[in-house]
Amino acid sequence: MKKQQTEEQNERRLEMRASDILDPNNQIGVKLRSLYAAAQDEAIPDRFLDLLEKLDQAEMMASAKLAE
């Protein structure tokens, strides 16, 4: 069953027309997807993580003061 699905997917990919490849919207989509994938692989900077930690601490302190 999986083999048949894989073959069908491969056939659909081959059926892609040249106009689909040359379509500016398609090209933009491909580039955006690759940019997004690259951004996902980047590490979060330590400075940003420190700022998030400080924000969490400030929110906890503020909520503790309100609870008193």
C-alpha atoms as a PDB file:
ATOM      1  CA  MET A   1       0.000   0.000   0.000  1.00  0.00           C
ATOM      2  CA  LYS A   2       2.769   2.467   0.917  1.00  0.00           C
ATOM      3  CA  LYS A   3       4.696   1.579  -2.213  1.00  0.00           C
ATOM      4  CA  GLN A   4       1.684   2.466  -4.353  1.00  0.00           C
ATOM      5  CA  GLN A   5       1.222   5.782  -2.535  1.00  0.00           C
ATOM      6  CA  THR A   6       4.887   6.605  -3.000  1.00  0.00           C
ATOM      7  CA  GLU A   7       4.676   5.835  -6.697  1.00  0.00           C
ATOM      8  CA  GLU A   8       1.583   8.032  -7.032  1.00  0.00           C
ATOM      9  CA  GLN A   9       3.349  10.898  -5.262  1.00  0.00           C
ATOM     10  CA  ASN A  10       6.341  10.523  -7.561  1.00  0.00           C
ATOM     11  CA  GLU A  11       4.059  10.600 -10.600  1.00  0.00           C
ATOM     12  CA  ARG A  12       2.393  13.794  -9.350  1.00  0.00           C
ATOM     13  CA  ARG A  13       5.783  15.423  -8.910  1.00  0.00           C
ATOM     14  CA  LEU A  14       6.778  14.493 -12.440  1.00  0.00           C
ATOM     15  CA  GLU A  15       3.557  15.935 -13.789  1.00  0.00           C
ATOM     16  CA  MET A  16       4.546  19.390 -12.577  1.00  0.00           C
ATOM     17  CA  ARG A  17       4.522  21.609 -15.629  1.00  0.00           C
ATOM     18  CA  ALA A  18       7.292  23.992 -16.636  1.00  0.00           C
ATOM     19  CA  SER A  19       4.894  26.878 -16.097  1.00  0.00           C
ATOM     20  CA  ASP A  20       4.521  25.826 -12.449  1.00  0.00           C
ATOM     21  CA  ILE A  21       8.286  25.912 -12.005  1.00  0.00           C
ATOM     22  CA  LEU A  22       8.621  29.289 -13.725  1.00  0.00           C
ATOM     23  CA  ASP A  23       5.644  30.818 -11.895  1.00  0.00           C
ATOM     24  CA  PRO A  24       6.921  33.747  -9.771  1.00  0.00           C
ATOM     25  CA  ASN A  25       4.572  32.859  -6.911  1.00  0.00           C
ATOM     26  CA  ASN A  26       5.910  29.314  -6.862  1.00  0.00           C
ATOM     27  CA  GLN A  27       9.489  30.573  -6.843  1.00  0.00           C
ATOM     28  CA  ILE A  28       8.702  32.935  -3.971  1.00  0.00           C
ATOM     29  CA  GLY A  29       7.081  30.094  -2.054  1.00  0.00           C
ATOM     30  CA  VAL A  30      10.087  27.834  -2.531  1.00  0.00           C
ATOM     31  CA  LYS A  31      12.483  30.541  -1.366  1.00  0.00           C
ATOM     32  CA  LEU A  32      10.324  31.402   1.649  1.00  0.00           C
ATOM     33  CA  ARG A  33      10.132  27.741   2.669  1.00  0.00           C
ATOM     34  CA  SER A  34      13.913  27.373   2.443  1.00  0.00           C
ATOM     35  CA  LEU A  35      14.429  30.596   4.434  1.00  0.00           C
ATOM     36  CA  TYR A  36      11.986  29.422   7.096  1.00  0.00           C
ATOM     37  CA  ALA A  37      13.715  26.023   7.324  1.00  0.00           C
ATOM     38  CA  ALA A  38      17.088  27.734   7.744  1.00  0.00           C
ATOM     39  CA  ALA A  39      15.702  30.031  10.466  1.00  0.00           C
ATOM     40  CA  GLN A  40      14.293  27.030  12.335  1.00  0.00           C
ATOM     41  CA  ASP A  41      17.738  25.445  12.440  1.00  0.00           C
ATOM     42  CA  GLU A  42      19.395  28.525  13.945  1.00  0.00           C
ATOM     43  CA  ALA A  43      20.126  28.558  17.650  1.00  0.00           C
ATOM     44  CA  ILE A  44      18.384  31.100  19.856  1.00  0.00           C
ATOM     45  CA  PRO A  45      20.929  33.721  20.972  1.00  0.00           C
ATOM     46  CA  ASP A  46      21.907  33.556  24.648  1.00  0.00           C
ATOM     47  CA  ARG A  47      21.083  37.243  25.113  1.00  0.00           C
ATOM     48  CA  PHE A  48      17.522  36.652  23.953  1.00  0.00           C
ATOM     49  CA  LEU A  49      17.155  33.650  26.274  1.00  0.00           C
ATOM     50  CA  ASP A  50      18.421  35.797  29.168  1.00  0.00           C
ATOM     51  CA  LEU A  51      15.859  38.475  28.361  1.00  0.00           C
ATOM     52  CA  LEU A  52      13.076  35.879  28.303  1.00  0.00           C
ATOM     53  CA  GLU A  53      14.210  34.556  31.676  1.00  0.00           C
ATOM     54  CA  LYS A  54      14.187  38.072  33.153  1.00  0.00           C
ATOM     55  CA  LEU A  55      10.700  38.631  31.768  1.00  0.00           C
ATOM     56  CA  ASP A  56       9.461  35.407  33.354  1.00  0.00           C
ATOM     57  CA  GLN A  57      10.935  36.431  36.697  1.00  0.00           C
ATOM     58  CA  ALA A  58       9.373  39.896  36.495  1.00  0.00           C
ATOM     59  CA  GLU A  59       5.962  38.398  35.662  1.00  0.00           C
ATOM     60  CA  MET A  60       6.193  35.963  38.583  1.00  0.00           C
ATOM     61  CA  MET A  61       7.128  38.765  40.974  1.00  0.00           C
ATOM     62  CA  ALA A  62       4.280  40.943  39.706  1.00  0.00           C
ATOM     63  CA  SER A  63       1.739  38.137  40.077  1.00  0.00           C
ATOM     64  CA  ALA A  64       3.055  37.357  43.591  1.00  0.00           C
ATOM     65  CA  LYS A  65       2.598  41.021  44.618  1.00  0.00           C
ATOM     66  CA  LEU A  66      -0.958  40.999  43.283  1.00  0.00           C
ATOM     67  CA  ALA A  67      -1.739  37.826  45.221  1.00  0.00           C
ATOM     68  CA  GLU A  68      -0.719  39.457  48.517  1.00  0.00           C
END
